[in-house]
């Protein structure tokens, strides 16, 4: 709940600026790899589909 409240009280453009700083220089392939690692409930068929894309 603390994270939610912290984000809601931050200026709207702050999170966008943080995303650009973190992911701006990153190649899309690297981003998708990182995103996929953060997904918890991917069904086996979804994983196969993502890996063939």
N, C-alpha and C. Protein backbone atom coordinates (compact mmCIF):
# COMPACT_ATOMS: atom_id res chain seq x y z
N UNK A 1 0.82 -1.19 0.00
CA UNK A 1 0.00 0.00 0.00
C UNK A 1 0.87 1.26 0.00
N UNK A 2 2.03 1.19 0.64
CA UNK A 2 2.91 2.35 0.71
C UNK A 2 3.41 2.73 -0.68
N UNK A 3 3.72 1.74 -1.51
CA UNK A 3 4.19 2.01 -2.87
C UNK A 3 3.10 2.70 -3.68
N UNK A 4 1.88 2.21 -3.55
CA UNK A 4 0.74 2.81 -4.25
C UNK A 4 0.58 4.28 -3.85
N UNK A 5 0.59 4.53 -2.56
CA UNK A 5 0.41 5.90 -2.07
C UNK A 5 1.56 6.80 -2.53
N UNK A 6 2.77 6.26 -2.53
CA UNK A 6 3.92 7.04 -2.97
C UNK A 6 3.79 7.41 -4.45
N UNK A 7 3.36 6.46 -5.26
CA UNK A 7 3.20 6.75 -6.69
C UNK A 7 2.07 7.73 -6.95
N UNK A 8 0.99 7.60 -6.20
CA UNK A 8 -0.15 8.51 -6.39
C UNK A 8 0.21 9.93 -5.98
N UNK A 9 1.11 10.10 -5.02
CA UNK A 9 1.46 11.44 -4.57
C UNK A 9 2.58 12.07 -5.41
N UNK A 10 3.25 11.28 -6.25
CA UNK A 10 4.32 11.80 -7.11
C UNK A 10 3.72 12.56 -8.29
N UNK A 11 4.45 13.54 -8.79
CA UNK A 11 3.96 14.26 -9.99
C UNK A 11 3.77 13.28 -11.15
N UNK A 12 2.78 13.55 -11.99
CA UNK A 12 2.41 12.63 -13.07
C UNK A 12 3.57 12.35 -14.02
N UNK A 13 4.38 13.33 -14.30
CA UNK A 13 5.47 13.12 -15.26
C UNK A 13 6.70 12.46 -14.64
N UNK A 14 6.73 12.30 -13.33
CA UNK A 14 7.90 11.70 -12.67
C UNK A 14 8.06 10.24 -13.07
N UNK A 15 6.98 9.47 -13.05
CA UNK A 15 7.10 8.05 -13.41
C UNK A 15 7.47 7.89 -14.88
N UNK A 16 6.97 8.76 -15.74
CA UNK A 16 7.33 8.71 -17.16
C UNK A 16 8.82 8.99 -17.32
N UNK A 17 9.31 9.97 -16.61
CA UNK A 17 10.73 10.31 -16.67
C UNK A 17 11.58 9.15 -16.17
N UNK A 18 11.13 8.49 -15.11
CA UNK A 18 11.87 7.33 -14.59
C UNK A 18 11.89 6.19 -15.60
N UNK A 19 10.75 5.95 -16.27
CA UNK A 19 10.71 4.88 -17.28
C UNK A 19 11.65 5.19 -18.44
N UNK A 20 11.66 6.43 -18.87
CA UNK A 20 12.55 6.81 -19.97
C UNK A 20 14.00 6.62 -19.55
N UNK A 21 14.34 7.01 -18.33
CA UNK A 21 15.71 6.86 -17.84
C UNK A 21 16.11 5.39 -17.77
N UNK A 22 15.17 4.54 -17.34
CA UNK A 22 15.47 3.11 -17.19
C UNK A 22 15.46 2.37 -18.51
N UNK A 23 14.49 2.65 -19.35
CA UNK A 23 14.28 1.84 -20.55
C UNK A 23 14.61 2.53 -21.86
N UNK A 24 14.84 3.84 -21.84
CA UNK A 24 15.11 4.57 -23.07
C UNK A 24 16.27 4.01 -23.87
N UNK A 25 17.43 3.81 -23.25
CA UNK A 25 18.58 3.31 -24.02
C UNK A 25 18.55 1.80 -24.27
N UNK A 26 17.56 1.11 -23.71
CA UNK A 26 17.50 -0.35 -23.81
C UNK A 26 16.91 -0.80 -25.15
N UNK A 27 17.52 -1.81 -25.74
CA UNK A 27 16.97 -2.39 -26.97
C UNK A 27 15.66 -3.10 -26.64
N UNK A 28 14.76 -3.14 -27.61
CA UNK A 28 13.45 -3.74 -27.37
C UNK A 28 13.57 -5.21 -26.95
N UNK A 29 14.48 -5.95 -27.56
CA UNK A 29 14.68 -7.36 -27.20
C UNK A 29 15.05 -7.49 -25.72
N UNK A 30 15.92 -6.61 -25.22
CA UNK A 30 16.30 -6.64 -23.81
C UNK A 30 15.09 -6.31 -22.92
N UNK A 31 14.31 -5.32 -23.35
CA UNK A 31 13.13 -4.94 -22.58
C UNK A 31 12.16 -6.12 -22.47
N UNK A 32 11.90 -6.80 -23.60
CA UNK A 32 10.94 -7.90 -23.56
C UNK A 32 11.45 -9.05 -22.69
N UNK A 33 12.75 -9.28 -22.73
CA UNK A 33 13.33 -10.33 -21.88
C UNK A 33 13.11 -10.00 -20.41
N UNK A 34 13.35 -8.75 -20.04
CA UNK A 34 13.16 -8.32 -18.66
C UNK A 34 11.68 -8.39 -18.28
N UNK A 35 10.80 -7.96 -19.21
CA UNK A 35 9.37 -8.00 -18.94
C UNK A 35 8.90 -9.43 -18.70
N UNK A 36 9.36 -10.35 -19.54
CA UNK A 36 8.93 -11.74 -19.43
C UNK A 36 9.36 -12.35 -18.10
N UNK A 37 10.53 -11.99 -17.62
CA UNK A 37 11.00 -12.51 -16.33
C UNK A 37 10.11 -12.03 -15.19
N UNK A 38 9.49 -10.88 -15.36
CA UNK A 38 8.62 -10.34 -14.31
C UNK A 38 7.21 -10.90 -14.33
N UNK A 39 6.86 -11.67 -15.34
CA UNK A 39 5.52 -12.24 -15.44
C UNK A 39 5.45 -13.52 -14.63
N UNK A 40 4.47 -13.64 -13.78
CA UNK A 40 4.39 -14.80 -12.88
C UNK A 40 3.49 -15.91 -13.38
N UNK A 41 2.45 -15.57 -14.06
CA UNK A 41 1.41 -16.57 -14.35
C UNK A 41 1.22 -16.77 -15.85
N UNK A 42 2.30 -16.99 -16.56
CA UNK A 42 2.17 -17.26 -17.98
C UNK A 42 1.91 -18.75 -18.20
N UNK A 43 0.89 -19.04 -18.94
CA UNK A 43 0.58 -20.44 -19.28
C UNK A 43 1.65 -20.95 -20.25
N UNK A 44 1.89 -22.26 -20.27
CA UNK A 44 2.89 -22.83 -21.18
C UNK A 44 2.69 -22.41 -22.64
N UNK A 45 1.44 -22.36 -23.09
CA UNK A 45 1.17 -21.95 -24.47
C UNK A 45 1.59 -20.50 -24.70
N UNK A 46 1.38 -19.65 -23.72
CA UNK A 46 1.78 -18.25 -23.83
C UNK A 46 3.29 -18.13 -23.90
N UNK A 47 4.00 -18.90 -23.09
CA UNK A 47 5.46 -18.88 -23.11
C UNK A 47 5.97 -19.32 -24.48
N UNK A 48 5.41 -20.38 -25.03
CA UNK A 48 5.82 -20.85 -26.36
C UNK A 48 5.58 -19.78 -27.41
N UNK A 49 4.43 -19.14 -27.33
CA UNK A 49 4.11 -18.09 -28.28
C UNK A 49 5.09 -16.92 -28.17
N UNK A 50 5.39 -16.50 -26.97
CA UNK A 50 6.32 -15.39 -26.77
C UNK A 50 7.71 -15.72 -27.25
N UNK A 51 8.13 -16.95 -27.08
CA UNK A 51 9.48 -17.34 -27.48
C UNK A 51 9.61 -17.50 -28.99
N UNK A 52 8.53 -17.68 -29.70
CA UNK A 52 8.61 -17.80 -31.17
C UNK A 52 8.43 -16.46 -31.85
N UNK A 53 8.05 -15.45 -31.11
CA UNK A 53 7.83 -14.11 -31.70
C UNK A 53 9.13 -13.37 -31.82
